[in-house]
Amino acid sequence: MSKATNRKNRAGRRGPLATVALLAIGLFFTGGAYALISNGTAEAQSDINSQEMIDEGEKLFAANCATCHGVNLEGSDIAPTLIGVGAASVDFQVGTGRMPLAASGPQGQEKPEQFTDQQVKAMAAYVASLSVGPPIPDPRYLDEQGDAANGAELFRINCAMCHNVAGSGGALTEGKWAPAINSTPAHTYEAMITGPQNMPVFNDANLSPEDKRDIITALAYIKDTPSVGGYALGALGPVAEGLFAWVFGMGAIVAVTVWLTAKSN
């Protein structure tokens, strides 16, 4: 075999590095195509305004909510109308498990949710399609990156009288209560704009979206920051701390008095 033929054969062979490069390029383009398809599918599924979501929500609403709230959201003797509540109210009430209601009482109790997030969004889409109301909040206000100091001040002014300055909740009248704020940023924002249960509505004229973002940031800071004074006693404030001091402090004094009396006798 001539040298020219050998050189031609070597030139026609594919080196190991070339094979690796081709595989890498193939995987790159395959992964990119899959990511684009996946993102497109996720966006279509999460689009609360899509007809597919509305149709799915109508079926879920008819099966789980229409008995009490009416087929056309008109309400009944045992449940209020949902006309005008918007997607935010449905996302909050159903997403926190308060609805469907487990039992009648002063107010709905938070419990494990019975629907997936996709199903909750679908019901919210259906209710929003029938009447105008507060929408699900924009994600840019839920990033917990606002001004925590301003949020803490706003929370003390507007919320602490019911929810406690640390967001630990508190008792109201007639068996009602302000729950501890352990919700997601979205549910906290939705509670502010819909006023569930006995809570007032804080629309954008009361608290701007940026103010709500600051409050959510302050609550996240409180939640993630340990008590610098040691055990926080549930962060229930001076009443709980005073009760703790009276029960254990006076109990210790009485115990020492009894011990000294018994020893002297």
Protein backbone atom coordinates (compact mmCIF):
# COMPACT_ATOMS: atom_id res chain seq x y z
CA MET A 1 0.00 0.00 0.00
CA SER A 2 1.43 3.34 -0.96
CA LYS A 3 2.11 6.21 1.41
CA ALA A 4 -0.47 8.33 -0.39
CA THR A 5 -3.15 5.73 0.30
CA ASN A 6 -2.20 5.57 4.03
CA ARG A 7 -2.40 9.32 4.30
CA LYS A 8 -5.83 9.26 2.65
CA ASN A 9 -7.12 6.58 5.06
CA ARG A 10 -5.84 8.47 8.09
CA ALA A 11 -7.47 11.64 6.88
CA GLY A 12 -10.79 9.83 6.43
CA ARG A 13 -10.78 8.45 9.98
CA ARG A 14 -12.66 10.37 12.72
CA GLY A 15 -10.54 11.05 15.76
CA PRO A 16 -11.81 10.38 19.34
CA LEU A 17 -12.03 14.09 20.14
CA ALA A 18 -14.20 14.69 17.11
CA THR A 19 -16.64 11.98 18.27
CA VAL A 20 -16.86 13.53 21.75
CA ALA A 21 -17.44 16.96 20.22
CA LEU A 22 -20.24 15.68 18.02
CA LEU A 23 -21.94 13.98 20.99
CA ALA A 24 -21.66 17.15 23.06
CA ILE A 25 -23.18 19.26 20.28
CA GLY A 26 -26.01 16.76 19.86
CA LEU A 27 -26.78 16.73 23.57
CA PHE A 28 -26.64 20.52 23.71
CA PHE A 29 -29.20 20.99 20.95
CA THR A 30 -31.41 18.18 22.29
CA GLY A 31 -31.39 19.69 25.78
CA GLY A 32 -32.11 23.16 24.44
CA ALA A 33 -35.06 21.94 22.42
CA TYR A 34 -36.45 20.05 25.42
CA ALA A 35 -36.08 23.12 27.64
CA LEU A 36 -37.94 25.28 25.15
CA ILE A 37 -40.76 22.76 24.85
CA SER A 38 -40.97 22.32 28.64
CA ASN A 39 -41.04 26.05 29.27
CA GLY A 40 -43.72 26.52 26.67
CA THR A 41 -45.84 23.78 28.23
CA ALA A 42 -45.38 25.18 31.75
CA GLU A 43 -46.32 28.67 30.61
CA ALA A 44 -49.43 27.33 28.87
CA GLN A 45 -50.42 25.40 32.00
CA SER A 46 -49.84 28.37 34.30
CA ASP A 47 -51.61 30.91 32.08
CA ILE A 48 -54.60 31.72 34.25
CA ASN A 49 -56.35 33.46 31.36
CA SER A 50 -56.28 30.50 28.99
CA GLN A 51 -59.58 28.93 27.98
CA GLU A 52 -58.22 25.52 28.94
CA MET A 53 -57.67 26.68 32.52
CA ILE A 54 -61.12 28.28 32.67
CA ASP A 55 -62.82 25.14 31.39
CA GLU A 56 -60.98 22.98 33.91
CA GLY A 57 -61.88 25.42 36.69
CA GLU A 58 -65.56 25.37 35.73
CA LYS A 59 -65.68 21.60 36.12
CA LEU A 60 -63.91 21.72 39.49
CA PHE A 61 -66.13 24.54 40.71
CA ALA A 62 -69.32 22.73 39.69
CA ALA A 63 -68.19 19.59 41.51
CA ASN A 64 -66.88 21.18 44.71
CA CYS A 65 -68.21 24.72 45.20
CA ALA A 66 -71.46 25.33 43.31
CA THR A 67 -73.63 23.57 45.92
CA CYS A 68 -73.00 26.39 48.39
CA HIS A 69 -71.87 29.34 46.24
CA GLY A 70 -74.26 28.79 43.34
CA VAL A 71 -73.62 27.77 39.76
CA ASN A 72 -73.33 31.41 38.70
CA LEU A 73 -71.46 32.56 41.85
CA GLU A 74 -74.68 34.09 43.18
CA GLY A 75 -74.30 32.62 46.65
CA SER A 76 -76.92 31.04 48.88
CA ASP A 77 -78.31 31.08 52.40
CA ILE A 78 -75.21 29.29 53.67
CA ALA A 79 -72.46 30.88 51.56
CA PRO A 80 -71.73 34.37 50.19
CA THR A 81 -71.67 35.39 46.55
CA LEU A 82 -68.35 35.15 44.75
CA ILE A 83 -69.16 37.85 42.23
CA GLY A 84 -66.34 40.39 42.34
CA VAL A 85 -64.00 38.44 44.65
CA GLY A 86 -61.50 37.85 41.85
CA ALA A 87 -58.85 35.21 41.34
CA ALA A 88 -56.86 36.33 44.40
CA SER A 89 -59.62 35.44 46.84
CA VAL A 90 -60.09 31.97 45.38
CA ASP A 91 -56.34 31.34 45.33
CA PHE A 92 -56.11 32.36 49.01
CA GLN A 93 -59.19 30.59 50.36
CA VAL A 94 -58.72 27.32 48.48
CA GLY A 95 -54.92 27.43 48.45
CA THR A 96 -54.73 27.68 52.25
CA GLY A 97 -57.29 24.92 52.75
CA ARG A 98 -59.93 27.18 54.26
CA MET A 99 -62.23 26.22 51.42
CA PRO A 100 -64.05 23.95 50.97
CA LEU A 101 -65.24 24.65 54.51
CA ALA A 102 -64.81 21.69 56.87
CA ALA A 103 -67.51 22.80 59.32
CA SER A 104 -69.57 25.87 60.03
CA GLY A 105 -68.19 28.20 62.67
CA PRO A 106 -67.15 31.78 63.40
CA GLN A 107 -64.62 31.59 60.57
CA GLY A 108 -62.95 29.10 58.27
CA GLN A 109 -59.98 27.24 59.67
CA GLU A 110 -56.74 26.75 57.80
CA LYS A 111 -56.13 23.09 56.96
CA PRO A 112 -54.19 21.05 54.40
CA GLU A 113 -55.34 22.01 50.92
CA GLN A 114 -57.44 19.51 49.00
CA PHE A 115 -56.41 20.55 45.50
CA THR A 116 -53.16 20.89 43.60
CA ASP A 117 -51.85 24.34 42.79
CA GLN A 118 -52.85 23.82 39.15
CA GLN A 119 -56.43 23.02 40.18
CA VAL A 120 -56.58 26.01 42.52
CA LYS A 121 -55.38 28.30 39.73
CA ALA A 122 -57.97 26.79 37.39
CA MET A 123 -60.84 27.54 39.80
CA ALA A 124 -59.45 31.03 40.29
CA ALA A 125 -59.39 31.48 36.51
CA TYR A 126 -63.02 30.40 36.21
CA VAL A 127 -64.25 32.76 38.94
CA ALA A 128 -62.22 35.63 37.49
CA SER A 129 -63.68 34.97 34.03
CA LEU A 130 -67.22 35.67 35.30
CA SER A 131 -66.57 38.92 37.17
CA VAL A 132 -63.85 41.47 37.74
CA GLY A 133 -61.92 41.32 41.01
CA PRO A 134 -58.42 41.41 42.52
CA PRO A 135 -56.02 39.29 40.43
CA ILE A 136 -53.31 36.95 41.64
CA PRO A 137 -50.37 39.21 42.63
CA ASP A 138 -47.45 39.97 40.37
CA PRO A 139 -44.42 37.79 41.32
CA ARG A 140 -42.15 40.86 41.48
CA TYR A 141 -43.87 41.88 44.73
CA LEU A 142 -43.36 38.46 46.32
CA ASP A 143 -39.57 38.17 46.22
CA GLU A 144 -39.09 39.20 49.90
CA GLN A 145 -36.45 41.71 48.80
CA GLY A 146 -38.22 44.91 49.87
CA ASP A 147 -37.50 47.35 52.68
CA ALA A 148 -37.89 45.32 55.88
CA ALA A 149 -37.69 48.40 58.16
CA ASN A 150 -40.50 50.18 56.32
CA GLY A 151 -42.49 46.95 56.19
CA ALA A 152 -42.15 46.43 59.95
CA GLU A 153 -43.41 49.96 60.62
CA LEU A 154 -46.37 49.50 58.27
CA PHE A 155 -47.18 46.16 59.87
CA ARG A 156 -47.16 47.69 63.38
CA ILE A 157 -49.48 50.48 62.23
CA ASN A 158 -51.94 48.43 60.21
CA CYS A 159 -51.78 44.80 61.34
CA ALA A 160 -50.19 44.31 64.76
CA MET A 161 -53.34 45.17 66.74
CA CYS A 162 -54.86 41.88 65.57
CA HIS A 163 -51.98 39.71 64.37
CA ASN A 164 -49.51 40.70 67.12
CA VAL A 165 -46.34 42.66 66.41
CA ALA A 166 -44.51 39.41 65.58
CA GLY A 167 -47.32 38.07 63.38
CA SER A 168 -48.14 35.33 65.89
CA GLY A 169 -51.89 35.98 65.81
CA GLY A 170 -54.35 36.77 68.55
CA ALA A 171 -57.91 36.39 69.76
CA LEU A 172 -60.80 38.53 68.51
CA THR A 173 -64.41 38.76 69.66
CA GLU A 174 -67.20 36.17 69.39
CA GLY A 175 -64.89 33.18 68.98
CA LYS A 176 -62.98 34.69 66.07
CA TRP A 177 -59.24 35.03 65.83
CA ALA A 178 -56.46 36.60 63.79
CA PRO A 179 -54.28 33.67 62.66
CA ALA A 180 -50.54 33.48 62.89
CA ILE A 181 -49.01 34.61 59.60
CA ASN A 182 -47.19 31.55 58.28
CA SER A 183 -48.51 31.78 54.73
CA THR A 184 -46.56 32.02 51.51
CA PRO A 185 -45.79 35.53 50.21
CA ALA A 186 -48.53 35.13 47.58
CA HIS A 187 -51.18 34.19 50.15
CA THR A 188 -50.09 37.01 52.46
CA TYR A 189 -50.41 39.52 49.61
CA GLU A 190 -53.79 38.07 48.61
CA ALA A 191 -55.06 38.36 52.17
CA MET A 192 -54.20 42.06 52.16
CA ILE A 193 -56.06 42.79 48.91
CA THR A 194 -59.12 40.59 49.55
CA GLY A 195 -59.75 40.94 53.31
CA PRO A 196 -60.65 37.34 54.21
CA GLN A 197 -62.76 36.55 57.28
CA ASN A 198 -62.65 39.61 59.59
CA MET A 199 -59.64 41.25 57.99
CA PRO A 200 -60.04 44.66 56.34
CA VAL A 201 -59.10 45.17 52.70
CA PHE A 202 -55.86 47.03 52.03
CA ASN A 203 -56.17 48.12 48.43
CA ASP A 204 -53.49 50.03 46.56
CA ALA A 205 -54.87 53.33 47.88
CA ASN A 206 -54.20 52.15 51.46
CA LEU A 207 -50.98 50.26 50.89
CA SER A 208 -49.18 50.41 47.56
CA PRO A 209 -47.87 47.19 45.99
CA GLU A 210 -44.38 48.26 47.12
CA ASP A 211 -45.67 48.70 50.69
CA LYS A 212 -47.15 45.21 50.61
CA ARG A 213 -43.83 43.90 49.34
CA ASP A 214 -42.09 45.61 52.26
CA ILE A 215 -44.52 44.04 54.76
CA ILE A 216 -43.93 40.59 53.28
CA THR A 217 -40.18 41.22 53.54
CA ALA A 218 -40.51 42.25 57.21
CA LEU A 219 -42.55 39.13 58.02
CA ALA A 220 -39.93 36.95 56.33
CA TYR A 221 -37.23 38.67 58.40
CA ILE A 222 -39.15 38.07 61.64
CA LYS A 223 -39.71 34.44 60.71
CA ASP A 224 -36.05 33.79 59.86
CA THR A 225 -34.51 35.74 62.75
CA PRO A 226 -34.19 33.97 66.10
CA SER A 227 -35.25 35.68 69.32
CA VAL A 228 -32.24 37.57 70.67
CA GLY A 229 -33.64 37.40 74.20
CA GLY A 230 -33.84 33.61 74.32
CA TYR A 231 -37.09 31.65 74.43
CA ALA A 232 -39.78 33.85 72.88
CA LEU A 233 -42.79 32.32 74.70
CA GLY A 234 -44.59 32.05 71.39
CA ALA A 235 -43.98 35.77 70.71
CA LEU A 236 -47.41 36.47 72.21
CA GLY A 237 -46.29 39.69 73.85
CA PRO A 238 -46.35 41.15 77.38
CA VAL A 239 -49.54 39.37 78.46
CA ALA A 240 -47.98 35.94 77.98
CA GLU A 241 -44.69 37.06 79.46
CA GLY A 242 -46.42 38.55 82.49
CA LEU A 243 -48.51 35.43 83.00
CA PHE A 244 -45.35 33.33 82.79
CA ALA A 245 -43.68 35.51 85.44
CA TRP A 246 -46.70 35.38 87.77
CA VAL A 247 -47.27 31.62 87.48
CA PHE A 248 -43.66 30.49 87.76
CA GLY A 249 -42.33 33.42 89.79
CA MET A 250 -45.07 33.37 92.40
CA GLY A 251 -45.05 29.57 92.33
CA ALA A 252 -41.35 29.58 93.15
CA ILE A 253 -41.89 32.07 96.00
CA VAL A 254 -44.70 29.95 97.46
CA ALA A 255 -42.58 26.80 97.16
CA VAL A 256 -39.65 28.43 98.95
CA THR A 257 -41.98 29.75 101.68
CA VAL A 258 -43.46 26.30 102.27
CA TRP A 259 -39.99 24.76 102.33
CA LEU A 260 -38.68 27.30 104.86
CA THR A 261 -41.77 26.84 107.07
CA ALA A 262 -41.43 23.06 106.99
CA LYS A 263 -37.70 23.29 107.80
CA SER A 264 -38.28 25.61 110.78
CA ASN A 265 -40.87 23.24 112.24
